[in-house]
PDB file of N, CA and C in Angstrom:
ATOM      1  N   MET A   1     -25.709 -30.825-117.851  1.00  0.00           N
ATOM      2  CA  MET A   1     -25.496 -29.751-117.065  1.00  0.00           C
ATOM      3  C   MET A   1     -26.700 -28.908-116.430  1.00  0.00           C
ATOM      4  N   TYR A   2     -27.757 -28.948-117.939  1.00  0.00           N
ATOM      5  CA  TYR A   2     -29.128 -27.655-117.684  1.00  0.00           C
ATOM      6  C   TYR A   2     -29.708 -28.235-116.458  1.00  0.00           C
ATOM      7  N   ALA A   3     -29.993 -29.926-116.580  1.00  0.00           N
ATOM      8  CA  ALA A   3     -30.084 -30.551-115.121  1.00  0.00           C
ATOM      9  C   ALA A   3     -29.786 -30.201-113.809  1.00  0.00           C
ATOM     10  N   ILE A   4     -28.552 -30.483-113.790  1.00  0.00           N
ATOM     11  CA  ILE A   4     -27.858 -30.412-112.751  1.00  0.00           C
ATOM     12  C   ILE A   4     -28.014 -27.885-111.794  1.00  0.00           C
ATOM     13  N   ALA A   5     -27.717 -27.560-113.471  1.00  0.00           N
ATOM     14  CA  ALA A   5     -28.093 -25.911-112.962  1.00  0.00           C
ATOM     15  C   ALA A   5     -29.600 -25.836-112.425  1.00  0.00           C
ATOM     16  N   PHE A   6     -30.939 -26.446-113.233  1.00  0.00           N
ATOM     17  CA  PHE A   6     -31.831 -26.293-112.969  1.00  0.00           C
ATOM     18  C   PHE A   6     -32.554 -26.712-111.390  1.00  0.00           C
ATOM     19  N   ASN A   7     -31.914 -27.866-111.408  1.00  0.00           N
ATOM     20  CA  ASN A   7     -32.503 -28.504-109.524  1.00  0.00           C
ATOM     21  C   ASN A   7     -31.312 -27.412-108.920  1.00  0.00           C
ATOM     22  N   ALA A   8     -30.393 -27.259-108.701  1.00  0.00           N
ATOM     23  CA  ALA A   8     -29.937 -26.142-108.156  1.00  0.00           C
ATOM     24  C   ALA A   8     -30.704 -24.693-107.813  1.00  0.00           C
ATOM     25  N   ILE A   9     -31.269 -24.346-108.690  1.00  0.00           N
ATOM     26  CA  ILE A   9     -32.044 -22.984-108.999  1.00  0.00           C
ATOM     27  C   ILE A   9     -33.330 -23.029-107.778  1.00  0.00           C
ATOM     28  N   SER A  10     -33.859 -24.561-108.714  1.00  0.00           N
ATOM     29  CA  SER A  10     -35.173 -24.800-107.514  1.00  0.00           C
ATOM     30  C   SER A  10     -34.966 -25.187-106.326  1.00  0.00           C
ATOM     31  N   ASP A  11     -33.884 -25.936-105.587  1.00  0.00           N
ATOM     32  CA  ASP A  11     -33.751 -25.658-104.495  1.00  0.00           C
ATOM     33  C   ASP A  11     -33.431 -24.849-103.239  1.00  0.00           C
ATOM     34  N   ALA A  12     -32.304 -23.664-104.707  1.00  0.00           N
ATOM     35  CA  ALA A  12     -32.462 -22.883-103.424  1.00  0.00           C
ATOM     36  C   ALA A  12     -33.795 -21.624-103.171  1.00  0.00           C
ATOM     37  N   LEU A  13     -34.271 -22.161-104.516  1.00  0.00           N
ATOM     38  CA  LEU A  13     -35.792 -20.898-104.159  1.00  0.00           C
ATOM     39  C   LEU A  13     -36.137 -21.885-103.517  1.00  0.00           C
ATOM     40  N   GLU A  14     -36.351 -22.826-103.479  1.00  0.00           N
ATOM     41  CA  GLU A  14     -37.202 -23.207-101.717  1.00  0.00           C
ATOM     42  C   GLU A  14     -36.498 -22.663-100.105  1.00  0.00           C
ATOM     43  N   GLU A  15     -35.400 -22.631-100.509  1.00  0.00           N
ATOM     44  CA  GLU A  15     -35.031 -22.202 -99.062  1.00  0.00           C
ATOM     45  C   GLU A  15     -34.970 -21.056 -99.204  1.00  0.00           C
ATOM     46  N   LEU A  16     -34.509 -20.292 -99.921  1.00  0.00           N
ATOM     47  CA  LEU A  16     -35.205 -18.529 -99.981  1.00  0.00           C
ATOM     48  C   LEU A  16     -36.354 -18.317 -99.413  1.00  0.00           C
ATOM     49  N   ASP A  17     -37.505 -19.211 -99.953  1.00  0.00           N
ATOM     50  CA  ASP A  17     -38.493 -19.092 -99.701  1.00  0.00           C
ATOM     51  C   ASP A  17     -38.604 -19.193 -98.279  1.00  0.00           C
ATOM     52  N   LYS A  18     -37.789 -19.997 -97.405  1.00  0.00           N
ATOM     53  CA  LYS A  18     -37.330 -20.678 -96.536  1.00  0.00           C
ATOM     54  C   LYS A  18     -36.830 -19.627 -94.975  1.00  0.00           C
ATOM     55  N   LEU A  19     -36.270 -18.506 -96.185  1.00  0.00           N
ATOM     56  CA  LEU A  19     -34.855 -17.514 -95.554  1.00  0.00           C
ATOM     57  C   LEU A  19     -33.450 -18.082 -94.988  1.00  0.00           C
ATOM     58  N   ASN A  20     -34.019 -19.446 -95.884  1.00  0.00           N
ATOM     59  CA  ASN A  20     -32.442 -19.794 -95.079  1.00  0.00           C
ATOM     60  C   ASN A  20     -31.316 -19.707 -96.358  1.00  0.00           C
ATOM     61  N   ILE A  21     -30.500 -18.066 -96.430  1.00  0.00           N
ATOM     62  CA  ILE A  21     -30.038 -18.022 -97.533  1.00  0.00           C
ATOM     63  C   ILE A  21     -28.193 -18.971 -97.892  1.00  0.00           C
ATOM     64  N   GLY A  22     -27.890 -19.480 -96.394  1.00  0.00           N
ATOM     65  CA  GLY A  22     -27.052 -19.917 -96.580  1.00  0.00           C
ATOM     66  C   GLY A  22     -26.418 -20.983 -97.069  1.00  0.00           C
ATOM     67  N   ALA A  23     -28.174 -22.032 -97.522  1.00  0.00           N
ATOM     68  CA  ALA A  23     -28.208 -22.958 -97.436  1.00  0.00           C
ATOM     69  C   ALA A  23     -28.429 -22.521 -99.241  1.00  0.00           C
ATOM     70  N   ALA A  24     -29.238 -21.882 -99.375  1.00  0.00           N
ATOM     71  CA  ALA A  24     -29.517 -22.038-101.007  1.00  0.00           C
ATOM     72  C   ALA A  24     -27.940 -21.313-101.503  1.00  0.00           C
ATOM     73  N   LYS A  25     -27.048 -20.213-101.145  1.00  0.00           N
ATOM     74  CA  LYS A  25     -25.543 -19.910-101.562  1.00  0.00           C
ATOM     75  C   LYS A  25     -24.731 -21.444-102.097  1.00  0.00           C
ATOM     76  N   GLU A  26     -25.713 -22.240-101.572  1.00  0.00           N
ATOM     77  CA  GLU A  26     -25.025 -23.877-101.185  1.00  0.00           C
ATOM     78  C   GLU A  26     -25.204 -24.652-101.984  1.00  0.00           C
ATOM     79  N   CYS A  27     -26.417 -24.918-102.303  1.00  0.00           N
ATOM     80  CA  CYS A  27     -27.333 -25.056-103.573  1.00  0.00           C
ATOM     81  C   CYS A  27     -26.734 -24.328-104.557  1.00  0.00           C
ATOM     82  N   LEU A  28     -25.950 -23.512-104.861  1.00  0.00           N
ATOM     83  CA  LEU A  28     -25.952 -22.587-105.836  1.00  0.00           C
ATOM     84  C   LEU A  28     -24.223 -22.864-106.405  1.00  0.00           C
ATOM     85  N   LYS A  29     -23.470 -23.051-105.351  1.00  0.00           N
ATOM     86  CA  LYS A  29     -22.228 -23.549-105.706  1.00  0.00           C
ATOM     87  C   LYS A  29     -21.540 -24.845-105.922  1.00  0.00           C
ATOM     88  N   GLU A  30     -23.068 -25.874-105.409  1.00  0.00           N
ATOM     89  CA  GLU A  30     -22.157 -26.720-105.719  1.00  0.00           C
ATOM     90  C   GLU A  30     -22.856 -27.410-106.720  1.00  0.00           C
ATOM     91  N   ALA A  31     -23.867 -26.370-107.433  1.00  0.00           N
ATOM     92  CA  ALA A  31     -24.108 -26.651-109.028  1.00  0.00           C
ATOM     93  C   ALA A  31     -22.821 -25.875-109.980  1.00  0.00           C
ATOM     94  N   GLN A  32     -22.817 -25.381-109.182  1.00  0.00           N
ATOM     95  CA  GLN A  32     -21.967 -24.539-110.472  1.00  0.00           C
ATOM     96  C   GLN A  32     -20.087 -24.937-110.808  1.00  0.00           C
ATOM     97  N   PHE A  33     -20.145 -25.390-109.916  1.00  0.00           N
ATOM     98  CA  PHE A  33     -18.913 -26.459-109.057  1.00  0.00           C
ATOM     99  C   PHE A  33     -18.261 -27.928-110.378  1.00  0.00           C
ATOM    100  N   HIS A  34     -20.300 -28.701-110.035  1.00  0.00           N
ATOM    101  CA  HIS A  34     -20.452 -30.258-110.946  1.00  0.00           C
ATOM    102  C   HIS A  34     -20.627 -29.087-112.302  1.00  0.00           C
ATOM    103  N   THR A  35     -21.121 -28.302-112.994  1.00  0.00           N
ATOM    104  CA  THR A  35     -21.234 -28.224-113.968  1.00  0.00           C
ATOM    105  C   THR A  35     -19.732 -27.602-115.284  1.00  0.00           C
ATOM    106  N   GLU A  36     -18.904 -26.875-114.229  1.00  0.00           N
ATOM    107  CA  GLU A  36     -18.352 -26.054-114.324  1.00  0.00           C
ATOM    108  C   GLU A  36     -16.665 -28.089-114.481  1.00  0.00           C
ATOM    109  N   GLU A  37     -17.454 -28.462-113.755  1.00  0.00           N
ATOM    110  CA  GLU A  37     -16.522 -29.713-114.169  1.00  0.00           C
ATOM    111  C   GLU A  37     -16.408 -30.803-115.233  1.00  0.00           C
ATOM    112  N   ILE A  38     -17.938 -30.714-115.707  1.00  0.00           N
ATOM    113  CA  ILE A  38     -18.055 -31.293-116.465  1.00  0.00           C
ATOM    114  C   ILE A  38     -17.988 -30.131-117.860  1.00  0.00           C
ATOM    115  N   TYR A  39     -17.727 -29.235-118.128  1.00  0.00           N
ATOM    116  CA  TYR A  39     -17.769 -28.199-119.376  1.00  0.00           C
ATOM    117  C   TYR A  39     -16.221 -28.340-119.395  1.00  0.00           C
ATOM    118  N   ILE A  40     -15.004 -28.449-118.274  1.00  0.00           N
ATOM    119  CA  ILE A  40     -13.284 -28.310-118.484  1.00  0.00           C
ATOM    120  C   ILE A  40     -13.344 -29.628-119.345  1.00  0.00           C
ATOM    121  N   SER A  41     -14.194 -30.950-118.774  1.00  0.00           N
ATOM    122  CA  SER A  41     -13.884 -32.027-119.084  1.00  0.00           C
ATOM    123  C   SER A  41     -14.547 -32.700-119.966  1.00  0.00           C
ATOM    124  N   GLN A  42     -14.919 -31.940-121.368  1.00  0.00           N
ATOM    125  CA  GLN A  42     -15.139 -32.418-122.329  1.00  0.00           C
ATOM    126  C   GLN A  42     -14.737 -31.715-123.403  1.00  0.00           C
ATOM    127  N   ASP A  43     -14.351 -32.789-123.965  1.00  0.00           N
ATOM    128  CA  ASP A  43     -13.273 -32.457-125.426  1.00  0.00           C
ATOM    129  C   ASP A  43     -14.472 -31.383-126.139  1.00  0.00           C
ATOM    130  N   SER A  44     -13.038 -30.430-127.181  1.00  0.00           N
ATOM    131  CA  SER A  44     -14.267 -29.432-128.674  1.00  0.00           C
ATOM    132  C   SER A  44     -14.402 -30.297-129.161  1.00  0.00           C
ATOM    133  N   PRO A  45     -15.261 -30.115-130.089  1.00  0.00           N
ATOM    134  CA  PRO A  45     -16.081 -30.498-131.052  1.00  0.00           C
ATOM    135  C   PRO A  45     -14.702 -31.163-132.163  1.00  0.00           C
ATOM    136  N   ASP A  46     -13.400 -30.218-132.213  1.00  0.00           N
ATOM    137  CA  ASP A  46     -12.562 -30.308-133.149  1.00  0.00           C
ATOM    138  C   ASP A  46     -11.785 -31.343-132.834  1.00  0.00           C
ATOM    139  N   GLY A  47     -11.164 -31.613-131.229  1.00  0.00           N
ATOM    140  CA  GLY A  47     -10.450 -32.305-130.707  1.00  0.00           C
ATOM    141  C   GLY A  47      -9.130 -31.915-130.154  1.00  0.00           C
ATOM    142  N   GLY A  48      -9.481 -30.519-129.738  1.00  0.00           N
ATOM    143  CA  GLY A  48      -8.345 -29.474-129.699  1.00  0.00           C
ATOM    144  C   GLY A  48      -8.518 -29.665-128.038  1.00  0.00           C
ATOM    145  N   THR A  49      -8.574 -28.271-127.508  1.00  0.00           N
ATOM    146  CA  THR A  49      -7.983 -27.879-126.162  1.00  0.00           C
ATOM    147  C   THR A  49      -9.816 -28.099-125.573  1.00  0.00           C
ATOM    148  N   PRO A  50     -10.396 -28.949-124.168  1.00  0.00           N
ATOM    149  CA  PRO A  50     -11.546 -29.239-123.740  1.00  0.00           C
ATOM    150  C   PRO A  50     -12.214 -27.067-123.785  1.00  0.00           C
ATOM    151  N   TYR A  51     -13.146 -27.186-123.455  1.00  0.00           N
ATOM    152  CA  TYR A  51     -13.959 -26.214-124.232  1.00  0.00           C
ATOM    153  C   TYR A  51     -13.494 -25.052-123.032  1.00  0.00           C
ATOM    154  N   GLY A  52     -13.002 -23.746-123.373  1.00  0.00           N
ATOM    155  CA  GLY A  52     -13.351 -22.624-122.417  1.00  0.00           C
ATOM    156  C   GLY A  52     -11.471 -22.533-122.011  1.00  0.00           C
ATOM    157  N   THR A  53     -10.972 -23.314-122.330  1.00  0.00           N
ATOM    158  CA  THR A  53      -9.583 -23.688-122.169  1.00  0.00           C
ATOM    159  C   THR A  53      -8.296 -23.344-123.696  1.00  0.00           C
ATOM    160  N   SER A  54      -7.769 -22.574-122.842  1.00  0.00           N
ATOM    161  CA  SER A  54      -6.916 -22.098-123.976  1.00  0.00           C
ATOM    162  C   SER A  54      -5.277 -23.059-123.802  1.00  0.00           C
ATOM    163  N   LYS A  55      -4.410 -23.182-125.220  1.00  0.00           N
ATOM    164  CA  LYS A  55      -3.161 -23.632-124.308  1.00  0.00           C
ATOM    165  C   LYS A  55      -1.848 -22.610-124.400  1.00  0.00           C
ATOM    166  N   GLY A  56      -0.872 -22.598-123.189  1.00  0.00           N
ATOM    167  CA  GLY A  56      -0.486 -21.897-123.987  1.00  0.00           C
ATOM    168  C   GLY A  56       0.231 -20.996-122.988  1.00  0.00           C
TER     169      GLY A  56
END
Protein backbone atom coordinates (compact mmCIF):
# COMPACT_ATOMS: atom_id res chain seq x y z
CA MET A 1 0.00 0.00 0.00
CA TYR A 2 2.87 2.34 0.78
CA ALA A 3 4.36 1.95 -2.70
CA ILE A 4 1.01 2.68 -4.33
CA ALA A 5 0.49 5.81 -2.24
CA PHE A 6 4.07 7.03 -2.64
CA ASN A 7 4.03 6.60 -6.42
CA ALA A 8 0.66 8.32 -6.72
CA ILE A 9 1.87 11.26 -4.67
CA SER A 10 4.98 11.52 -6.85
CA ASP A 11 2.88 11.39 -10.01
CA ALA A 12 0.43 13.94 -8.63
CA LEU A 13 3.26 16.34 -7.75
CA GLU A 14 4.61 16.05 -11.30
CA GLU A 15 1.16 16.87 -12.68
CA LEU A 16 0.83 19.83 -10.31
CA ASP A 17 4.18 21.14 -11.56
CA LYS A 18 2.57 21.15 -15.02
CA LEU A 19 -0.52 22.84 -13.52
CA ASN A 20 -2.58 19.81 -14.50
CA ILE A 21 -4.82 19.69 -11.44
CA GLY A 22 -7.31 17.22 -12.91
CA ALA A 23 -4.63 14.62 -13.62
CA ALA A 24 -3.10 15.14 -10.17
CA LYS A 25 -6.48 14.61 -8.55
CA GLU A 26 -7.06 11.47 -10.62
CA CYS A 27 -3.68 10.00 -9.55
CA LEU A 28 -4.61 10.45 -5.91
CA LYS A 29 -8.15 9.11 -6.30
CA GLU A 30 -6.87 5.97 -8.05
CA ALA A 31 -4.34 5.36 -5.29
CA GLN A 32 -7.00 5.88 -2.65
CA PHE A 33 -9.24 3.32 -4.33
CA HIS A 34 -6.49 0.71 -4.78
CA THR A 35 -5.07 1.03 -1.27
CA GLU A 36 -8.55 0.92 0.26
CA GLU A 37 -9.32 -2.28 -1.65
CA ILE A 38 -6.10 -3.87 -0.40
CA TYR A 39 -6.69 -2.70 3.17
CA ILE A 40 -10.26 -3.97 3.29
CA SER A 41 -9.38 -7.32 1.73
CA GLN A 42 -6.76 -8.12 4.36
CA ASP A 43 -7.78 -10.26 7.30
CA SER A 44 -7.24 -8.97 10.81
CA PRO A 45 -4.47 -10.61 12.87
CA ASP A 46 -6.98 -12.45 15.08
CA GLY A 47 -8.84 -13.96 12.12
CA GLY A 48 -11.91 -11.80 12.71
CA THR A 49 -13.31 -9.06 10.55
CA PRO A 50 -11.04 -7.14 8.14
CA TYR A 51 -9.31 -4.04 9.44
CA GLY A 52 -11.59 -1.04 9.71
CA THR A 53 -14.83 -2.99 9.48
CA SER A 54 -17.22 -4.40 12.02
CA LYS A 55 -19.89 -7.02 11.99
CA GLY A 56 -23.19 -5.91 12.84
